[in-house]
Amino acid sequence: MDSREMDRIWTLLSKCRLGDAHLQDGDLKMAWLLVLEPYEYDDVKQAEAAHFRGSKFRPDIGEIAQHLPDVPTPKDLRDQARNAEKMQRSILYLKKLTTKPKASGE
């Protein structure tokens, strides 16, 4: 998530908590961005909505994070990269098998 998306999350939060003075705190907003940066905007938006479905109080960042998926670890990311490389090699191999060789003289 980037700072523009955080602005959108903060705006949504301010609509749910009209007049909340905490939402004027730029340092608090930056702290939220630091914690939420690895997540996708839609996941954070859904987590915020889930919080307000169960509570009318302003959430702290930990309450929002409870509704978010686990952040991938570096090992998970390495495994994903390896799987992507294997898939790419398989695709190239299949293309090679299914490509008809050109007849000589064409």
N, C-alpha and C. Protein backbone atom coordinates (compact mmCIF):
# COMPACT_ATOMS: atom_id res chain seq x y z
N MET A 1 0.85 -1.17 0.00
CA MET A 1 0.00 0.00 0.00
C MET A 1 0.89 1.22 0.00
N ASP A 2 0.50 2.24 -0.77
CA ASP A 2 1.30 3.46 -0.83
C ASP A 2 0.58 4.60 -0.09
N SER A 3 1.19 5.77 -0.09
CA SER A 3 0.65 6.90 0.69
C SER A 3 -0.69 7.39 0.15
N ARG A 4 -0.89 7.30 -1.18
CA ARG A 4 -2.20 7.70 -1.74
C ARG A 4 -3.31 6.78 -1.26
N GLU A 5 -3.01 5.50 -1.23
CA GLU A 5 -3.99 4.54 -0.75
C GLU A 5 -4.24 4.72 0.75
N MET A 6 -3.18 5.06 1.49
CA MET A 6 -3.36 5.32 2.91
C MET A 6 -4.26 6.53 3.13
N ASP A 7 -4.12 7.54 2.27
CA ASP A 7 -5.01 8.71 2.35
C ASP A 7 -6.47 8.28 2.19
N ARG A 8 -6.70 7.36 1.26
CA ARG A 8 -8.06 6.87 1.04
C ARG A 8 -8.58 6.09 2.26
N ILE A 9 -7.71 5.28 2.86
CA ILE A 9 -8.08 4.54 4.08
C ILE A 9 -8.39 5.52 5.20
N TRP A 10 -7.56 6.54 5.33
CA TRP A 10 -7.73 7.53 6.39
C TRP A 10 -9.03 8.32 6.19
N THR A 11 -9.35 8.61 4.93
CA THR A 11 -10.61 9.31 4.63
C THR A 11 -11.80 8.44 5.01
N LEU A 12 -11.74 7.16 4.67
CA LEU A 12 -12.81 6.24 5.05
C LEU A 12 -12.95 6.17 6.57
N LEU A 13 -11.83 6.10 7.25
CA LEU A 13 -11.84 6.07 8.71
C LEU A 13 -12.47 7.34 9.27
N SER A 14 -12.15 8.48 8.68
CA SER A 14 -12.70 9.75 9.17
C SER A 14 -14.20 9.85 8.91
N LYS A 15 -14.70 9.19 7.86
CA LYS A 15 -16.15 9.18 7.60
C LYS A 15 -16.88 8.34 8.65
N CYS A 16 -16.21 7.30 9.12
CA CYS A 16 -16.81 6.44 10.14
C CYS A 16 -16.68 7.05 11.54
N ARG A 17 -15.72 7.93 11.72
CA ARG A 17 -15.46 8.53 13.04
C ARG A 17 -15.45 10.06 12.91
N LEU A 18 -16.58 10.63 12.56
CA LEU A 18 -16.69 12.08 12.36
C LEU A 18 -16.21 12.84 13.60
N GLY A 19 -15.35 13.82 13.38
CA GLY A 19 -14.88 14.68 14.46
C GLY A 19 -13.82 14.08 15.36
N ASP A 20 -13.29 12.93 15.04
CA ASP A 20 -12.27 12.29 15.87
C ASP A 20 -10.96 13.05 15.72
N ALA A 21 -10.49 13.67 16.80
CA ALA A 21 -9.27 14.48 16.78
C ALA A 21 -8.03 13.65 16.47
N HIS A 22 -8.04 12.37 16.79
CA HIS A 22 -6.89 11.51 16.51
C HIS A 22 -6.59 11.45 15.01
N LEU A 23 -7.61 11.65 14.20
CA LEU A 23 -7.43 11.54 12.75
C LEU A 23 -6.73 12.75 12.16
N GLN A 24 -6.45 13.76 12.99
CA GLN A 24 -5.69 14.93 12.55
C GLN A 24 -4.20 14.75 12.83
N ASP A 25 -3.83 13.66 13.46
CA ASP A 25 -2.45 13.39 13.86
C ASP A 25 -1.68 12.75 12.69
N GLY A 26 -0.83 13.53 12.05
CA GLY A 26 -0.04 13.04 10.91
C GLY A 26 0.92 11.92 11.29
N ASP A 27 1.47 11.97 12.51
CA ASP A 27 2.38 10.92 12.97
C ASP A 27 1.65 9.58 13.12
N LEU A 28 0.41 9.64 13.61
CA LEU A 28 -0.38 8.43 13.74
C LEU A 28 -0.67 7.83 12.36
N LYS A 29 -0.98 8.69 11.42
CA LYS A 29 -1.24 8.22 10.05
C LYS A 29 0.01 7.57 9.46
N MET A 30 1.18 8.16 9.69
CA MET A 30 2.43 7.58 9.18
C MET A 30 2.73 6.23 9.84
N ALA A 31 2.40 6.11 11.12
CA ALA A 31 2.60 4.84 11.82
C ALA A 31 1.70 3.76 11.21
N TRP A 32 0.46 4.12 10.91
CA TRP A 32 -0.44 3.17 10.26
C TRP A 32 0.13 2.76 8.90
N LEU A 33 0.63 3.72 8.14
CA LEU A 33 1.18 3.40 6.82
C LEU A 33 2.37 2.45 6.96
N LEU A 34 3.20 2.67 7.96
CA LEU A 34 4.35 1.79 8.18
C LEU A 34 3.90 0.35 8.42
N VAL A 35 2.87 0.17 9.23
CA VAL A 35 2.38 -1.16 9.55
C VAL A 35 1.63 -1.79 8.38
N LEU A 36 0.85 -0.98 7.67
CA LEU A 36 -0.03 -1.51 6.62
C LEU A 36 0.62 -1.58 5.24
N GLU A 37 1.82 -1.05 5.09
CA GLU A 37 2.48 -0.96 3.78
C GLU A 37 2.57 -2.29 3.04
N PRO A 38 2.81 -3.44 3.71
CA PRO A 38 2.92 -4.69 2.94
C PRO A 38 1.58 -5.22 2.40
N TYR A 39 0.47 -4.65 2.82
CA TYR A 39 -0.84 -5.16 2.45
C TYR A 39 -1.41 -4.45 1.23
N GLU A 40 -2.35 -5.10 0.59
CA GLU A 40 -3.07 -4.52 -0.53
C GLU A 40 -4.16 -3.58 0.00
N TYR A 41 -4.43 -2.53 -0.76
CA TYR A 41 -5.44 -1.54 -0.37
C TYR A 41 -6.79 -2.21 -0.09
N ASP A 42 -7.24 -3.08 -0.99
CA ASP A 42 -8.56 -3.71 -0.81
C ASP A 42 -8.63 -4.55 0.46
N ASP A 43 -7.54 -5.21 0.81
CA ASP A 43 -7.52 -6.00 2.04
C ASP A 43 -7.67 -5.10 3.26
N VAL A 44 -6.96 -3.96 3.25
CA VAL A 44 -7.03 -3.03 4.39
C VAL A 44 -8.44 -2.42 4.48
N LYS A 45 -8.98 -2.07 3.33
CA LYS A 45 -10.34 -1.49 3.31
C LYS A 45 -11.35 -2.49 3.88
N GLN A 46 -11.23 -3.74 3.49
CA GLN A 46 -12.14 -4.77 4.01
C GLN A 46 -11.93 -5.00 5.51
N ALA A 47 -10.68 -4.92 5.96
CA ALA A 47 -10.39 -5.09 7.39
C ALA A 47 -11.00 -3.94 8.19
N GLU A 48 -10.92 -2.74 7.64
CA GLU A 48 -11.51 -1.59 8.31
C GLU A 48 -13.04 -1.75 8.39
N ALA A 49 -13.64 -2.19 7.30
CA ALA A 49 -15.09 -2.41 7.28
C ALA A 49 -15.48 -3.50 8.29
N ALA A 50 -14.69 -4.56 8.35
CA ALA A 50 -14.97 -5.65 9.29
C ALA A 50 -14.92 -5.14 10.73
N HIS A 51 -13.97 -4.26 11.02
CA HIS A 51 -13.89 -3.70 12.37
C HIS A 51 -15.16 -2.94 12.71
N PHE A 52 -15.61 -2.08 11.80
CA PHE A 52 -16.78 -1.25 12.09
C PHE A 52 -18.08 -2.03 12.07
N ARG A 53 -18.10 -3.21 11.49
CA ARG A 53 -19.28 -4.05 11.59
C ARG A 53 -19.46 -4.57 13.01
N GLY A 54 -18.35 -4.70 13.72
CA GLY A 54 -18.41 -5.25 15.07
C GLY A 54 -18.20 -4.25 16.19
N SER A 55 -17.80 -3.03 15.85
CA SER A 55 -17.50 -2.04 16.88
C SER A 55 -17.75 -0.63 16.37
N LYS A 56 -18.26 0.22 17.23
CA LYS A 56 -18.47 1.62 16.84
C LYS A 56 -17.28 2.49 17.24
N PHE A 57 -16.30 1.91 17.91
CA PHE A 57 -15.16 2.67 18.41
C PHE A 57 -14.04 2.73 17.38
N ARG A 58 -13.23 3.78 17.48
CA ARG A 58 -12.08 3.95 16.59
C ARG A 58 -11.12 2.79 16.82
N PRO A 59 -10.69 2.15 15.74
CA PRO A 59 -9.77 1.01 15.90
C PRO A 59 -8.34 1.49 16.12
N ASP A 60 -7.56 0.65 16.78
CA ASP A 60 -6.13 0.88 16.73
C ASP A 60 -5.58 -0.03 15.63
N ILE A 61 -4.36 0.16 15.27
CA ILE A 61 -3.80 -0.55 14.13
C ILE A 61 -3.80 -2.07 14.35
N GLY A 62 -3.64 -2.50 15.58
CA GLY A 62 -3.67 -3.93 15.88
C GLY A 62 -5.02 -4.55 15.60
N GLU A 63 -6.08 -3.81 15.85
CA GLU A 63 -7.43 -4.33 15.58
C GLU A 63 -7.67 -4.47 14.08
N ILE A 64 -7.11 -3.57 13.30
CA ILE A 64 -7.23 -3.68 11.84
C ILE A 64 -6.38 -4.86 11.36
N ALA A 65 -5.18 -4.98 11.88
CA ALA A 65 -4.27 -6.04 11.44
C ALA A 65 -4.83 -7.44 11.73
N GLN A 66 -5.66 -7.56 12.76
CA GLN A 66 -6.26 -8.87 13.07
C GLN A 66 -7.13 -9.38 11.92
N HIS A 67 -7.66 -8.47 11.12
CA HIS A 67 -8.55 -8.85 10.02
C HIS A 67 -7.79 -9.03 8.70
N LEU A 68 -6.47 -8.88 8.72
CA LEU A 68 -5.67 -8.95 7.49
C LEU A 68 -5.00 -10.31 7.35
N PRO A 69 -4.73 -10.73 6.11
CA PRO A 69 -4.01 -11.99 5.92
C PRO A 69 -2.57 -11.86 6.42
N ASP A 70 -1.93 -12.99 6.65
CA ASP A 70 -0.53 -12.97 7.09
C ASP A 70 0.34 -12.35 6.01
N VAL A 71 1.34 -11.60 6.45
CA VAL A 71 2.30 -11.02 5.51
C VAL A 71 3.24 -12.14 5.06
N PRO A 72 3.47 -12.26 3.75
CA PRO A 72 4.37 -13.34 3.31
C PRO A 72 5.78 -13.14 3.85
N THR A 73 6.41 -14.23 4.23
CA THR A 73 7.79 -14.16 4.72
C THR A 73 8.73 -14.21 3.52
N PRO A 74 9.99 -13.83 3.72
CA PRO A 74 10.96 -13.94 2.61
C PRO A 74 11.03 -15.35 2.04
N LYS A 75 10.90 -16.39 2.89
CA LYS A 75 10.92 -17.77 2.40
C LYS A 75 9.73 -18.01 1.47
N ASP A 76 8.55 -17.53 1.85
CA ASP A 76 7.37 -17.68 0.99
C ASP A 76 7.61 -17.03 -0.36
N LEU A 77 8.21 -15.85 -0.33
CA LEU A 77 8.46 -15.13 -1.58
C LEU A 77 9.48 -15.86 -2.45
N ARG A 78 10.51 -16.45 -1.82
CA ARG A 78 11.49 -17.23 -2.58
C ARG A 78 10.83 -18.45 -3.21
N ASP A 79 9.96 -19.12 -2.45
CA ASP A 79 9.25 -20.28 -2.98
C ASP A 79 8.37 -19.90 -4.15
N GLN A 80 7.70 -18.77 -4.05
CA GLN A 80 6.85 -18.30 -5.15
C GLN A 80 7.69 -18.01 -6.39
N ALA A 81 8.86 -17.40 -6.19
CA ALA A 81 9.74 -17.09 -7.32
C ALA A 81 10.22 -18.38 -7.99
N ARG A 82 10.60 -19.37 -7.18
CA ARG A 82 11.04 -20.66 -7.74
C ARG A 82 9.91 -21.32 -8.53
N ASN A 83 8.72 -21.30 -7.97
CA ASN A 83 7.58 -21.91 -8.67
C ASN A 83 7.28 -21.18 -9.96
N ALA A 84 7.41 -19.88 -9.97
CA ALA A 84 7.18 -19.11 -11.20
C ALA A 84 8.21 -19.46 -12.26
N GLU A 85 9.47 -19.62 -11.85
CA GLU A 85 10.53 -20.01 -12.79
C GLU A 85 10.26 -21.40 -13.38
N LYS A 86 9.84 -22.34 -12.53
CA LYS A 86 9.52 -23.68 -13.01
C LYS A 86 8.36 -23.63 -14.00
N MET A 87 7.35 -22.84 -13.68
CA MET A 87 6.20 -22.72 -14.56
C MET A 87 6.61 -22.12 -15.91
N GLN A 88 7.46 -21.13 -15.86
CA GLN A 88 7.92 -20.49 -17.10
C GLN A 88 8.71 -21.49 -17.96
N ARG A 89 9.58 -22.28 -17.34
CA ARG A 89 10.32 -23.30 -18.08
C ARG A 89 9.37 -24.33 -18.69
N SER A 90 8.35 -24.72 -17.95
CA SER A 90 7.37 -25.69 -18.46
C SER A 90 6.61 -25.13 -19.65
N ILE A 91 6.24 -23.88 -19.58
CA ILE A 91 5.52 -23.25 -20.68
C ILE A 91 6.39 -23.20 -21.93
N LEU A 92 7.64 -22.82 -21.77
CA LEU A 92 8.56 -22.78 -22.91
C LEU A 92 8.75 -24.17 -23.51
N TYR A 93 8.86 -25.18 -22.66
CA TYR A 93 9.02 -26.55 -23.14
C TYR A 93 7.79 -26.99 -23.92
N LEU A 94 6.60 -26.69 -23.39
CA LEU A 94 5.38 -27.07 -24.09
C LEU A 94 5.23 -26.34 -25.42
N LYS A 95 5.62 -25.08 -25.45
CA LYS A 95 5.57 -24.33 -26.71
C LYS A 95 6.50 -24.97 -27.74
N LYS A 96 7.67 -25.39 -27.26
CA LYS A 96 8.64 -26.02 -28.15
C LYS A 96 8.08 -27.32 -28.72
N LEU A 97 7.39 -28.09 -27.89
CA LEU A 97 6.81 -29.36 -28.33
C LEU A 97 5.66 -29.16 -29.32
N THR A 98 4.89 -28.11 -29.13
CA THR A 98 3.70 -27.92 -29.96
C THR A 98 3.94 -27.06 -31.19
N THR A 99 5.12 -26.45 -31.29
CA THR A 99 5.43 -25.64 -32.46
C THR A 99 5.85 -26.55 -33.60
N LYS A 100 5.18 -26.37 -34.72
CA LYS A 100 5.51 -27.20 -35.89
C LYS A 100 6.77 -26.64 -36.54
N PRO A 101 7.71 -27.51 -36.84
CA PRO A 101 8.91 -27.02 -37.53
C PRO A 101 8.53 -26.59 -38.96
N LYS A 102 9.19 -25.56 -39.44
CA LYS A 102 8.92 -25.09 -40.80
C LYS A 102 9.52 -26.06 -41.80
N ALA A 103 8.74 -26.31 -42.84
CA ALA A 103 9.24 -27.20 -43.89
C ALA A 103 10.36 -26.48 -44.64
N SER A 104 11.38 -27.24 -45.07
CA SER A 104 12.48 -26.61 -45.78
C SER A 104 11.97 -26.07 -47.11
N GLY A 105 12.47 -24.90 -47.46
CA GLY A 105 12.07 -24.26 -48.69
C GLY A 105 10.99 -23.22 -48.49
N GLU A 106 10.50 -23.04 -47.28
CA GLU A 106 9.49 -22.00 -47.04
C GLU A 106 10.13 -20.72 -46.63
